[in-house]
Protein backbone atom coordinates (compact mmCIF):
# COMPACT_ATOMS: atom_id res chain seq x y z
CA MET A 1 -153.35 -181.24 -65.71
CA ASP A 2 -154.75 -182.38 -62.35
CA ASP A 3 -157.84 -180.41 -61.26
CA LYS A 4 -156.36 -179.56 -57.82
CA ILE A 5 -153.26 -178.07 -59.38
CA LEU A 6 -155.41 -176.29 -61.93
CA LEU A 7 -157.66 -174.83 -59.22
CA ASN A 8 -154.64 -173.67 -57.22
CA LYS A 9 -153.28 -171.89 -60.27
CA ILE A 10 -156.66 -170.28 -60.92
CA ALA A 11 -156.80 -169.18 -57.26
CA ASN A 12 -153.44 -167.49 -57.89
CA ARG A 13 -155.06 -165.76 -60.90
CA ASP A 14 -153.15 -167.68 -63.56
CA GLU A 15 -155.06 -166.72 -66.71
CA ASP A 16 -153.60 -169.56 -68.79
CA ALA A 17 -154.79 -172.09 -66.21
CA PHE A 18 -158.24 -170.50 -66.22
CA ARG A 19 -158.36 -170.57 -70.03
CA PHE A 20 -157.44 -174.27 -69.94
CA PHE A 21 -160.13 -174.89 -67.29
CA VAL A 22 -162.78 -173.16 -69.43
CA GLU A 23 -161.77 -175.14 -72.51
CA LYS A 24 -161.87 -178.38 -70.51
CA TYR A 25 -165.33 -177.85 -68.99
CA HIS A 26 -167.11 -175.48 -71.37
CA LYS A 27 -169.05 -178.19 -73.24
CA LEU A 28 -170.26 -179.76 -69.98
CA VAL A 29 -171.51 -176.42 -68.61
CA LEU A 30 -173.07 -175.39 -71.94
CA ASN A 31 -174.97 -178.71 -72.19
CA VAL A 32 -176.39 -178.35 -68.68
CA CYS A 33 -177.47 -174.76 -69.29
CA ASN A 34 -178.98 -175.60 -72.67
CA ASN A 35 -180.85 -178.60 -71.27
CA ILE A 36 -182.53 -176.31 -68.76
CA LEU A 37 -182.96 -173.15 -70.84
CA ASN A 38 -183.57 -174.68 -74.29
CA ASN A 39 -182.06 -171.60 -75.86
CA LEU A 40 -178.49 -171.86 -77.11
CA ASP A 41 -177.86 -168.09 -77.00
CA ASP A 42 -179.06 -167.85 -73.40
CA ALA A 43 -177.15 -171.02 -72.52
CA MET A 44 -173.94 -169.52 -73.91
CA ASP A 45 -174.48 -166.32 -71.91
CA ILE A 46 -175.23 -168.24 -68.71
CA SER A 47 -172.25 -170.56 -69.22
CA GLN A 48 -170.03 -167.47 -69.36
CA GLU A 49 -171.60 -166.30 -66.11
CA VAL A 50 -170.86 -169.72 -64.60
CA PHE A 51 -167.18 -169.40 -65.44
CA MET A 52 -167.05 -165.81 -64.17
CA LYS A 53 -168.58 -167.05 -60.92
CA ILE A 54 -165.95 -169.80 -60.73
CA TYR A 55 -163.15 -167.30 -61.27
CA GLU A 56 -164.54 -164.90 -58.67
CA SER A 57 -165.29 -167.55 -56.04
CA ILE A 58 -162.51 -170.10 -56.59
CA ASP A 59 -161.32 -169.48 -53.02
CA HIS A 60 -164.66 -170.79 -51.72
CA PHE A 61 -164.27 -174.21 -53.33
CA ARG A 62 -163.49 -176.48 -50.36
CA GLY A 63 -162.79 -179.60 -52.36
CA ASP A 64 -165.46 -181.64 -50.52
CA ALA A 65 -167.10 -182.55 -53.82
CA LYS A 66 -165.75 -183.14 -57.29
CA ILE A 67 -165.14 -180.05 -59.37
CA THR A 68 -167.74 -181.25 -61.87
CA THR A 69 -170.37 -181.42 -59.12
CA TRP A 70 -169.57 -177.83 -58.21
CA LEU A 71 -169.78 -176.81 -61.87
CA TYR A 72 -173.12 -178.60 -62.37
CA ARG A 73 -174.56 -176.96 -59.27
CA ILE A 74 -173.51 -173.48 -60.33
CA ALA A 75 -174.76 -174.09 -63.90
CA VAL A 76 -178.15 -175.37 -62.67
CA ASN A 77 -178.54 -172.49 -60.20
CA LYS A 78 -177.53 -169.82 -62.72
CA SER A 79 -179.90 -171.32 -65.31
CA LEU A 80 -182.81 -171.45 -62.86
CA ASN A 81 -182.09 -167.87 -61.76
CA HIS A 82 -182.19 -166.82 -65.40
CA LEU A 83 -185.55 -168.55 -65.83
CA ARG A 84 -186.89 -166.84 -62.70
CA SER A 85 -185.76 -163.41 -63.86
CA THR A 86 -187.26 -164.04 -67.30
CA LYS A 87 -190.48 -165.14 -65.63
CA LYS A 88 -190.61 -161.95 -63.58
CA LYS A 89 -190.08 -159.86 -66.70
CA ASN A 90 -192.65 -161.66 -68.81
CA ARG A 91 -195.05 -162.63 -66.01
CA PHE A 92 -195.59 -165.85 -67.93
CA VAL A 93 -193.04 -168.52 -68.75
CA SER A 94 -194.18 -172.05 -69.46
CA LEU A 95 -192.09 -175.13 -68.93
CA ASP A 96 -191.75 -175.27 -72.72
CA ILE A 97 -188.82 -172.89 -72.21
CA ILE A 98 -187.06 -175.61 -70.26
CA PHE A 99 -187.85 -178.50 -72.61
CA GLY A 100 -189.45 -177.44 -75.89
CA ASN A 101 -189.62 -179.10 -79.28
CA ASP A 102 -186.52 -177.27 -80.50
CA ASN A 103 -184.35 -178.57 -77.65
CA LYS A 104 -180.74 -179.12 -78.65
CA THR A 105 -179.71 -181.48 -75.88
CA ASN A 106 -177.04 -184.05 -76.34
CA ILE A 107 -179.45 -186.80 -77.35
CA PRO A 108 -177.54 -188.67 -80.03
CA GLU A 109 -178.82 -188.47 -83.57
CA ASP A 110 -178.08 -191.23 -86.01
CA GLN A 111 -177.09 -189.57 -89.28
CA GLY A 112 -177.48 -192.86 -91.16
CA LEU A 113 -181.27 -192.95 -90.79
CA LYS A 114 -183.56 -193.55 -93.71
CA PRO A 115 -186.11 -190.76 -94.40
CA GLY A 116 -188.99 -192.59 -92.70
CA GLU A 117 -186.86 -193.39 -89.67
CA SER A 118 -185.80 -189.75 -89.41
CA ILE A 119 -189.44 -188.63 -89.28
CA GLU A 120 -190.19 -191.26 -86.64
CA LEU A 121 -187.20 -190.12 -84.56
CA ASP A 122 -188.35 -186.50 -84.84
CA GLU A 123 -191.84 -187.48 -83.70
CA THR A 124 -190.39 -189.46 -80.79
CA LYS A 125 -188.31 -186.44 -79.73
CA LYS A 126 -191.34 -184.21 -80.04
CA ALA A 127 -193.34 -186.54 -77.79
CA LEU A 128 -190.49 -186.74 -75.28
CA TYR A 129 -190.04 -182.97 -75.05
CA PHE A 130 -193.79 -182.46 -74.81
CA ALA A 131 -193.91 -184.93 -71.92
CA LEU A 132 -190.87 -183.39 -70.22
CA SER A 133 -192.53 -179.98 -70.41
CA LYS A 134 -195.35 -181.36 -68.25
CA LEU A 135 -193.02 -182.38 -65.39
CA SER A 136 -192.13 -180.21 -62.42
CA LYS A 137 -188.88 -178.24 -62.63
CA LYS A 138 -187.23 -180.54 -60.10
CA GLN A 139 -188.28 -183.67 -62.01
CA ASN A 140 -186.98 -182.11 -65.25
CA ILE A 141 -183.62 -181.31 -63.71
CA ALA A 142 -183.24 -184.70 -62.03
CA ILE A 143 -184.18 -186.60 -65.19
CA SER A 144 -182.00 -184.36 -67.39
CA LEU A 145 -178.97 -184.79 -65.16
CA SER A 146 -179.54 -188.53 -64.92
CA TYR A 147 -180.35 -189.34 -68.54
CA PHE A 148 -178.82 -186.52 -70.62
CA GLU A 149 -175.71 -186.04 -68.47
CA ASP A 150 -175.49 -189.64 -67.20
CA LEU A 151 -174.80 -188.59 -63.60
CA PRO A 152 -175.24 -190.93 -60.62
CA TYR A 153 -177.97 -190.20 -58.07
CA LYS A 154 -175.40 -189.19 -55.44
CA GLU A 155 -173.96 -186.46 -57.63
CA ILE A 156 -177.43 -185.27 -58.64
CA SER A 157 -178.35 -185.03 -54.96
CA GLU A 158 -175.29 -182.84 -54.32
CA ILE A 159 -176.08 -180.62 -57.31
CA MET A 160 -179.75 -180.21 -56.39
CA ASP A 161 -179.03 -180.06 -52.63
CA ILE A 162 -181.48 -182.85 -51.84
CA THR A 163 -181.09 -186.41 -50.56
CA VAL A 164 -180.29 -189.37 -52.78
CA THR A 165 -183.69 -190.79 -51.84
CA GLU A 166 -185.41 -187.61 -53.04
CA VAL A 167 -183.54 -187.88 -56.35
CA GLY A 168 -184.78 -191.45 -56.75
CA VAL A 169 -188.33 -190.40 -55.94
CA LEU A 170 -188.20 -187.48 -58.40
CA ILE A 171 -186.85 -189.68 -61.19
CA ASN A 172 -189.21 -192.59 -60.53
CA ARG A 173 -192.29 -190.37 -60.31
CA GLY A 174 -191.08 -188.40 -63.31
CA LYS A 175 -190.62 -191.57 -65.37
CA LYS A 176 -194.12 -192.79 -64.47
CA LYS A 177 -195.57 -189.42 -65.39
CA LEU A 178 -193.55 -189.38 -68.65
CA HIS A 179 -194.87 -192.83 -69.55
CA LYS A 180 -198.45 -191.75 -68.94
CA ILE A 181 -198.08 -188.46 -70.85
CA ILE A 182 -196.33 -190.09 -73.82
CA THR A 183 -198.99 -192.80 -74.00
CA GLU A 184 -201.74 -190.14 -74.01
CA TYR A 185 -199.77 -188.10 -76.56
CA TYR A 186 -199.66 -190.99 -79.04
CA GLN A 187 -203.32 -191.83 -78.44
CA LYS A 188 -204.29 -188.26 -79.37
CA ASN A 189 -201.95 -187.94 -82.34
């Protein structure tokens, strides 16, 4: 079903259309939330909040951007709000919450690996998540949306409400910092 027709039906409170919409986009929203929160339970809760927000505010969607851009933006904002509220409660939240060693992002895993290769892949992931935890929140989000979600810079700029140039700067600086951190990580370990 075409997204415009689907959105019109949801605006008219068609529950079947909304159920179809949730089924169509749930994995996308859950991945974004989990990439930021690094906690599947929290990501599932926040993804439900994202869809409730969509249902409540469907009349505000102007159609200027793609529906997926709108979904990404709401998912990122809801996830960051959750992190902020958690930070206020705990008074201390490290970036390890965003990208920790137990991250379940959609990085593909090759099930046909030999035991030694599996250990090497695990170590590589550990180094990557350690390095990502050292980046700023904005760099983490830009890199995650670019590399984990495979979004173009223009769409990332719309989601993050920054210019395309700023996205490029965040990603380029983030990649340089990642390279430096990963190099130091392997020198120490």
